[in-house]
Amino acid sequence: MNTGTLWVSASPHGEDALGNRLVRALLDVSEAVTLRDLVAAPLAPLTPDYAAALTLRDVPSEKTEALSLSERLIGELESTRRLIVTTPMHNFGMPAALKLWVDYVLRIHRTFTSTPLGKVGLLEDRPTLVIVSSGGFHQTGESRQPNFLTPHLRAILATLGIHSVEFCYLEGLVTRRGAPDDMIAEALEAHPLMAWKSQPIAPWLG
């Protein structure tokens, strides 16, 4: 039975990132957490042999380094019951580090299959929280910038089979640079964060 939480962090600010500070305030110290820090431990670029293997129904018996990494990252997803993603919004979308993780875990015949009606995820649904940090405003405020990260990542997770997804936005970090503690306190009072912290896993799956 899958247990614990997989936390995927794509922030270049590491422990000082507001999203990462928020996660540490949410998680129970006794909870089993697998941290995949995509900046502190960058993933290797995709290779030609990995690209060629993406369409294979059966993984080669002698796995390449890239395929082995892909299996390891997918295994982290398969072995945990909850997923947290903390990421900045870069140029209206997800940062390169997070996109590379996506390219390793989103594999046809492995984590999703293609049918006449569209792609179907092969992973179990699980409670998922995505915390997005941005210097400007895209959800609220007078000056709104485009947000391609949310629909893109939501579609990716759905393709994997993950539909129970909530997004939390930490906006205007440039103008509110001097009030990080206030922003964390405000976020902790907002839905769905308190539910994530205090409620059992099952209700999230509806």
C-alpha atoms as a PDB file:
ATOM      1  CA  MET A   1       0.000   0.000   0.000  1.00  0.00           C
ATOM      2  CA  ASN A   2       1.344   3.398  -0.971  1.00  0.00           C
ATOM      3  CA  THR A   3       2.220   5.675   1.938  1.00  0.00           C
ATOM      4  CA  GLY A   4       3.624   9.106   2.610  1.00  0.00           C
ATOM      5  CA  THR A   5       3.989  12.185   0.449  1.00  0.00           C
ATOM      6  CA  LEU A   6       6.113  12.938  -2.599  1.00  0.00           C
ATOM      7  CA  TRP A   7       7.237  16.579  -2.616  1.00  0.00           C
ATOM      8  CA  VAL A   8       8.578  17.872  -5.937  1.00  0.00           C
ATOM      9  CA  SER A   9      10.305  21.248  -5.575  1.00  0.00           C
ATOM     10  CA  ALA A  10      11.304  23.328  -8.587  1.00  0.00           C
ATOM     11  CA  SER A  11      12.273  26.569  -6.840  1.00  0.00           C
ATOM     12  CA  PRO A  12      15.767  27.970  -7.403  1.00  0.00           C
ATOM     13  CA  HIS A  13      15.564  29.588  -3.934  1.00  0.00           C
ATOM     14  CA  GLY A  14      15.693  26.253  -2.098  1.00  0.00           C
ATOM     15  CA  GLU A  15      14.680  26.325   1.564  1.00  0.00           C
ATOM     16  CA  ASP A  16      14.124  30.092   1.417  1.00  0.00           C
ATOM     17  CA  ALA A  17      11.430  29.777  -1.265  1.00  0.00           C
ATOM     18  CA  LEU A  18       8.073  30.896   0.093  1.00  0.00           C
ATOM     19  CA  GLY A  19       6.311  27.832  -1.322  1.00  0.00           C
ATOM     20  CA  ASN A  20       8.814  25.520   0.338  1.00  0.00           C
ATOM     21  CA  ARG A  21       8.424  27.332   3.665  1.00  0.00           C
ATOM     22  CA  LEU A  22       4.670  26.906   3.342  1.00  0.00           C
ATOM     23  CA  VAL A  23       4.996  23.156   2.762  1.00  0.00           C
ATOM     24  CA  ARG A  24       7.184  22.742   5.835  1.00  0.00           C
ATOM     25  CA  ALA A  25       4.474  24.505   7.854  1.00  0.00           C
ATOM     26  CA  LEU A  26       1.873  22.091   6.473  1.00  0.00           C
ATOM     27  CA  LEU A  27       3.598  18.747   6.859  1.00  0.00           C
ATOM     28  CA  ASP A  28       3.489  16.741  10.046  1.00  0.00           C
ATOM     29  CA  VAL A  29       7.028  16.113  11.291  1.00  0.00           C
ATOM     30  CA  SER A  30       6.168  12.432  11.701  1.00  0.00           C
ATOM     31  CA  GLU A  31       4.986  12.058   8.108  1.00  0.00           C
ATOM     32  CA  ALA A  32       7.065  10.087   5.615  1.00  0.00           C
ATOM     33  CA  VAL A  33       8.107  12.541   2.894  1.00  0.00           C
ATOM     34  CA  THR A  34      10.147  11.895  -0.229  1.00  0.00           C
ATOM     35  CA  LEU A  35      11.690  15.176  -1.409  1.00  0.00           C
ATOM     36  CA  ARG A  36      12.661  15.472  -5.064  1.00  0.00           C
ATOM     37  CA  ASP A  37      14.508  18.794  -5.292  1.00  0.00           C
ATOM     38  CA  LEU A  38      14.863  19.489  -9.018  1.00  0.00           C
ATOM     39  CA  VAL A  39      17.275  22.389  -8.461  1.00  0.00           C
ATOM     40  CA  ALA A  40      19.575  21.021  -5.752  1.00  0.00           C
ATOM     41  CA  ALA A  41      19.796  17.724  -7.681  1.00  0.00           C
ATOM     42  CA  PRO A  42      19.133  18.627 -11.343  1.00  0.00           C
ATOM     43  CA  LEU A  43      17.903  15.921 -13.691  1.00  0.00           C
ATOM     44  CA  ALA A  44      20.078  15.004 -16.655  1.00  0.00           C
ATOM     45  CA  PRO A  45      18.921  16.294 -20.063  1.00  0.00           C
ATOM     46  CA  LEU A  46      16.953  13.898 -22.238  1.00  0.00           C
ATOM     47  CA  THR A  47      19.037  11.756 -24.567  1.00  0.00           C
ATOM     48  CA  PRO A  48      18.383  10.470 -28.130  1.00  0.00           C
ATOM     49  CA  ASP A  49      18.078   6.873 -26.886  1.00  0.00           C
ATOM     50  CA  TYR A  50      15.497   7.922 -24.303  1.00  0.00           C
ATOM     51  CA  ALA A  51      13.493   9.780 -26.950  1.00  0.00           C
ATOM     52  CA  ALA A  52      13.602   6.671 -29.158  1.00  0.00           C
ATOM     53  CA  ALA A  53      12.461   4.448 -26.276  1.00  0.00           C
ATOM     54  CA  LEU A  54       9.451   6.621 -25.425  1.00  0.00           C
ATOM     55  CA  THR A  55       7.256   4.875 -27.993  1.00  0.00           C
ATOM     56  CA  LEU A  56       8.273   1.326 -27.027  1.00  0.00           C
ATOM     57  CA  ARG A  57       5.537  -0.747 -25.399  1.00  0.00           C
ATOM     58  CA  ASP A  58       8.096  -2.837 -23.503  1.00  0.00           C
ATOM     59  CA  VAL A  59      11.026  -1.258 -21.684  1.00  0.00           C
ATOM     60  CA  PRO A  60      14.341  -2.717 -22.948  1.00  0.00           C
ATOM     61  CA  SER A  61      15.837  -5.303 -20.590  1.00  0.00           C
ATOM     62  CA  GLU A  62      19.078  -3.328 -20.566  1.00  0.00           C
ATOM     63  CA  LYS A  63      17.895   0.092 -19.458  1.00  0.00           C
ATOM     64  CA  THR A  64      19.828   3.171 -20.434  1.00  0.00           C
ATOM     65  CA  GLU A  65      20.779   5.678 -17.766  1.00  0.00           C
ATOM     66  CA  ALA A  66      17.929   7.951 -18.828  1.00  0.00           C
ATOM     67  CA  LEU A  67      15.374   5.125 -18.749  1.00  0.00           C
ATOM     68  CA  SER A  68      16.605   4.053 -15.323  1.00  0.00           C
ATOM     69  CA  LEU A  69      16.142   7.615 -14.082  1.00  0.00           C
ATOM     70  CA  SER A  70      12.652   7.705 -15.567  1.00  0.00           C
ATOM     71  CA  GLU A  71      11.746   4.462 -13.780  1.00  0.00           C
ATOM     72  CA  ARG A  72      13.106   5.827 -10.510  1.00  0.00           C
ATOM     73  CA  LEU A  73      11.057   9.025 -10.780  1.00  0.00           C
ATOM     74  CA  ILE A  74       7.906   7.122 -11.733  1.00  0.00           C
ATOM     75  CA  GLY A  75       8.546   4.744  -8.830  1.00  0.00           C
ATOM     76  CA  GLU A  76       8.564   7.713  -6.450  1.00  0.00           C
ATOM     77  CA  LEU A  77       5.097   8.635  -7.704  1.00  0.00           C
ATOM     78  CA  GLU A  78       3.817   5.077  -7.483  1.00  0.00           C
ATOM     79  CA  SER A  79       5.044   4.531  -3.926  1.00  0.00           C
ATOM     80  CA  THR A  80       3.419   7.591  -2.323  1.00  0.00           C
ATOM     81  CA  ARG A  81      -0.221   8.460  -1.656  1.00  0.00           C
ATOM     82  CA  ARG A  82      -0.035  12.240  -1.865  1.00  0.00           C
ATOM     83  CA  LEU A  83       1.798  14.674  -4.134  1.00  0.00           C
ATOM     84  CA  ILE A  84       2.956  18.233  -3.464  1.00  0.00           C
ATOM     85  CA  VAL A  85       4.531  20.389  -6.164  1.00  0.00           C
ATOM     86  CA  THR A  86       6.123  23.739  -5.316  1.00  0.00           C
ATOM     87  CA  THR A  87       7.113  25.783  -8.312  1.00  0.00           C
ATOM     88  CA  PRO A  88       7.670  29.352  -9.429  1.00  0.00           C
ATOM     89  CA  MET A  89       5.988  30.699 -12.533  1.00  0.00           C
ATOM     90  CA  HIS A  90       8.672  31.594 -15.067  1.00  0.00           C
ATOM     91  CA  ASN A  91       7.698  33.576 -18.153  1.00  0.00           C
ATOM     92  CA  PHE A  92       4.016  32.673 -17.750  1.00  0.00           C
ATOM     93  CA  GLY A  93       4.672  28.924 -17.454  1.00  0.00           C
ATOM     94  CA  MET A  94       6.499  26.191 -15.581  1.00  0.00           C
ATOM     95  CA  PRO A  95      10.286  26.399 -15.127  1.00  0.00           C
ATOM     96  CA  ALA A  96      12.568  24.185 -17.189  1.00  0.00           C
ATOM     97  CA  ALA A  97      13.460  21.996 -14.198  1.00  0.00           C
ATOM     98  CA  LEU A  98       9.812  21.018 -13.652  1.00  0.00           C
ATOM     99  CA  LYS A  99       9.184  20.478 -17.367  1.00  0.00           C
ATOM    100  CA  LEU A 100      12.130  18.064 -17.482  1.00  0.00           C
ATOM    101  CA  TRP A 101      10.642  16.078 -14.577  1.00  0.00           C
ATOM    102  CA  VAL A 102       7.370  15.927 -16.503  1.00  0.00           C
ATOM    103  CA  ASP A 103       9.146  14.590 -19.589  1.00  0.00           C
ATOM    104  CA  TYR A 104      10.650  11.779 -17.505  1.00  0.00           C
ATOM    105  CA  VAL A 105       7.430  10.680 -15.770  1.00  0.00           C
ATOM    106  CA  LEU A 106       4.918  11.146 -18.608  1.00  0.00           C
ATOM    107  CA  ARG A 107       5.607   8.040 -20.731  1.00  0.00           C
ATOM    108  CA  ILE A 108       3.220   6.278 -23.080  1.00  0.00           C
ATOM    109  CA  HIS A 109       2.627   2.593 -22.215  1.00  0.00           C
ATOM    110  CA  ARG A 110       4.091   3.269 -18.769  1.00  0.00           C
ATOM    111  CA  THR A 111       2.180   6.062 -17.047  1.00  0.00           C
ATOM    112  CA  PHE A 112      -0.535   6.603 -19.647  1.00  0.00           C
ATOM    113  CA  THR A 113      -2.048   4.855 -22.623  1.00  0.00           C
ATOM    114  CA  SER A 114      -3.579   6.200 -25.817  1.00  0.00           C
ATOM    115  CA  THR A 115      -7.125   5.185 -26.772  1.00  0.00           C
ATOM    116  CA  PRO A 116      -9.530   6.226 -29.559  1.00  0.00           C
ATOM    117  CA  LEU A 117     -11.174   8.519 -26.996  1.00  0.00           C
ATOM    118  CA  GLY A 118      -7.928  10.103 -25.829  1.00  0.00           C
ATOM    119  CA  LYS A 119      -5.138   9.496 -23.339  1.00  0.00           C
ATOM    120  CA  VAL A 120      -5.866   7.562 -20.149  1.00  0.00           C
ATOM    121  CA  GLY A 121      -3.629   7.729 -17.078  1.00  0.00           C
ATOM    122  CA  LEU A 122      -2.247   4.518 -15.603  1.00  0.00           C
ATOM    123  CA  LEU A 123      -1.349   5.891 -12.159  1.00  0.00           C
ATOM    124  CA  GLU A 124      -3.705   5.950  -9.181  1.00  0.00           C
ATOM    125  CA  ASP A 125      -5.406   9.229  -8.404  1.00  0.00           C
ATOM    126  CA  ARG A 126      -4.121  10.894  -5.250  1.00  0.00           C
ATOM    127  CA  PRO A 127      -4.545  14.180  -3.327  1.00  0.00           C
ATOM    128  CA  THR A 128      -2.285  16.692  -5.036  1.00  0.00           C
ATOM    129  CA  LEU A 129      -1.403  20.220  -4.009  1.00  0.00           C
ATOM    130  CA  VAL A 130       0.416  22.603  -6.369  1.00  0.00           C
ATOM    131  CA  ILE A 131       1.823  25.776  -4.795  1.00  0.00           C
ATOM    132  CA  VAL A 132       2.706  28.387  -7.419  1.00  0.00           C
ATOM    133  CA  SER A 133       4.834  31.427  -6.568  1.00  0.00           C
ATOM    134  CA  SER A 134       5.024  34.460  -8.834  1.00  0.00           C
ATOM    135  CA  GLY A 135       6.531  37.909  -8.677  1.00  0.00           C
ATOM    136  CA  GLY A 136       3.471  39.452 -10.324  1.00  0.00           C
ATOM    137  CA  PHE A 137      -0.267  38.805 -10.307  1.00  0.00           C
ATOM    138  CA  HIS A 138      -2.163  36.408 -12.542  1.00  0.00           C
ATOM    139  CA  GLN A 139      -5.213  35.440 -10.454  1.00  0.00           C
ATOM    140  CA  THR A 140      -5.936  38.657  -8.580  1.00  0.00           C
ATOM    141  CA  GLY A 141      -4.949  42.307  -8.653  1.00  0.00           C
ATOM    142  CA  GLU A 142      -5.281  44.976 -11.299  1.00  0.00           C
ATOM    143  CA  SER A 143      -2.298  43.965 -13.425  1.00  0.00           C
ATOM    144  CA  ARG A 144      -2.835  40.366 -14.481  1.00  0.00           C
ATOM    145  CA  GLN A 145      -0.302  38.433 -16.517  1.00  0.00           C
ATOM    146  CA  PRO A 146      -1.000  35.265 -18.542  1.00  0.00           C
ATOM    147  CA  ASN A 147      -0.983  31.966 -16.660  1.00  0.00           C
ATOM    148  CA  PHE A 148      -0.151  28.988 -18.856  1.00  0.00           C
ATOM    149  CA  LEU A 149       1.261  26.969 -15.955  1.00  0.00           C
ATOM    150  CA  THR A 150      -2.045  25.981 -14.350  1.00  0.00           C
ATOM    151  CA  PRO A 151      -3.832  24.520 -17.402  1.00  0.00           C
ATOM    152  CA  HIS A 152      -0.615  22.885 -18.649  1.00  0.00           C
ATOM    153  CA  LEU A 153       0.196  21.168 -15.357  1.00  0.00           C
ATOM    154  CA  ARG A 154      -3.436  20.217 -14.734  1.00  0.00           C
ATOM    155  CA  ALA A 155      -3.552  18.512 -18.154  1.00  0.00           C
ATOM    156  CA  ILE A 156      -0.268  16.695 -17.467  1.00  0.00           C
ATOM    157  CA  LEU A 157      -1.432  15.382 -14.098  1.00  0.00           C
ATOM    158  CA  ALA A 158      -4.756  14.274 -15.595  1.00  0.00           C
ATOM    159  CA  THR A 159      -2.882  12.387 -18.303  1.00  0.00           C
ATOM    160  CA  LEU A 160      -1.024  10.535 -15.557  1.00  0.00           C
ATOM    161  CA  GLY A 161      -4.363   9.690 -13.909  1.00  0.00           C
ATOM    162  CA  ILE A 162      -4.165  12.354 -11.177  1.00  0.00           C
ATOM    163  CA  HIS A 163      -7.364  14.422 -11.023  1.00  0.00           C
ATOM    164  CA  SER A 164      -7.699  15.419  -7.341  1.00  0.00           C
ATOM    165  CA  VAL A 165      -5.619  18.572  -7.749  1.00  0.00           C
ATOM    166  CA  GLU A 166      -5.771  21.861  -5.840  1.00  0.00           C
ATOM    167  CA  PHE A 167      -3.742  24.966  -6.729  1.00  0.00           C
ATOM    168  CA  CYS A 168      -2.531  27.555  -4.226  1.00  0.00           C
ATOM    169  CA  TYR A 169      -1.097  30.843  -5.522  1.00  0.00           C
ATOM    170  CA  LEU A 170       1.456  33.024  -3.765  1.00  0.00           C
ATOM    171  CA  GLU A 171       1.333  36.162  -5.904  1.00  0.00           C
ATOM    172  CA  GLY A 172       2.962  39.557  -5.956  1.00  0.00           C
ATOM    173  CA  LEU A 173       6.177  38.444  -4.285  1.00  0.00           C
ATOM    174  CA  VAL A 174       8.050  41.422  -5.733  1.00  0.00           C
ATOM    175  CA  THR A 175       5.775  44.038  -4.141  1.00  0.00           C
ATOM    176  CA  ARG A 176       5.292  41.997  -0.939  1.00  0.00           C
ATOM    177  CA  ARG A 177       8.911  40.992  -0.540  1.00  0.00           C
ATOM    178  CA  GLY A 178       9.014  42.287   3.030  1.00  0.00           C
ATOM    179  CA  ALA A 179       5.980  40.316   4.257  1.00  0.00           C
ATOM    180  CA  PRO A 180       6.684  36.599   3.674  1.00  0.00           C
ATOM    181  CA  ASP A 181       5.406  35.524   7.105  1.00  0.00           C
ATOM    182  CA  ASP A 182       2.115  37.337   6.502  1.00  0.00           C
ATOM    183  CA  MET A 183       1.726  35.597   3.144  1.00  0.00           C
ATOM    184  CA  ILE A 184       2.347  32.183   4.695  1.00  0.00           C
ATOM    185  CA  ALA A 185      -0.152  32.884   7.484  1.00  0.00           C
ATOM    186  CA  GLU A 186      -2.766  33.991   4.959  1.00  0.00           C
ATOM    187  CA  ALA A 187      -2.198  30.903   2.810  1.00  0.00           C
ATOM    188  CA  LEU A 188      -2.458  28.567   5.799  1.00  0.00           C
ATOM    189  CA  GLU A 189      -5.943  29.928   6.521  1.00  0.00           C
ATOM    190  CA  ALA A 190      -7.121  29.442   2.949  1.00  0.00           C
ATOM    191  CA  HIS A 191      -8.817  26.386   1.474  1.00  0.00           C
ATOM    192  CA  PRO A 192      -7.559  23.790   0.711  1.00  0.00           C
ATOM    193  CA  LEU A 193      -4.452  24.119   2.851  1.00  0.00           C
ATOM    194  CA  MET A 194      -6.036  23.618   6.262  1.00  0.00           C
ATOM    195  CA  ALA A 195      -7.909  20.598   4.910  1.00  0.00           C
ATOM    196  CA  TRP A 196      -4.612  19.206   3.672  1.00  0.00           C
ATOM    197  CA  LYS A 197      -3.026  19.645   7.068  1.00  0.00           C
ATOM    198  CA  SER A 198      -5.818  18.454   9.322  1.00  0.00           C
ATOM    199  CA  GLN A 199      -7.956  15.980   7.374  1.00  0.00           C
ATOM    200  CA  PRO A 200      -7.246  12.342   6.502  1.00  0.00           C
ATOM    201  CA  ILE A 201      -6.223  11.499   2.961  1.00  0.00           C
ATOM    202  CA  ALA A 202      -9.353   9.654   1.822  1.00  0.00           C
ATOM    203  CA  PRO A 203     -11.845  12.593   1.607  1.00  0.00           C
ATOM    204  CA  TRP A 204      -9.605  14.350  -0.912  1.00  0.00           C
ATOM    205  CA  LEU A 205     -10.253  11.582  -3.400  1.00  0.00           C
ATOM    206  CA  GLY A 206     -13.969  12.287  -3.380  1.00  0.00           C
END
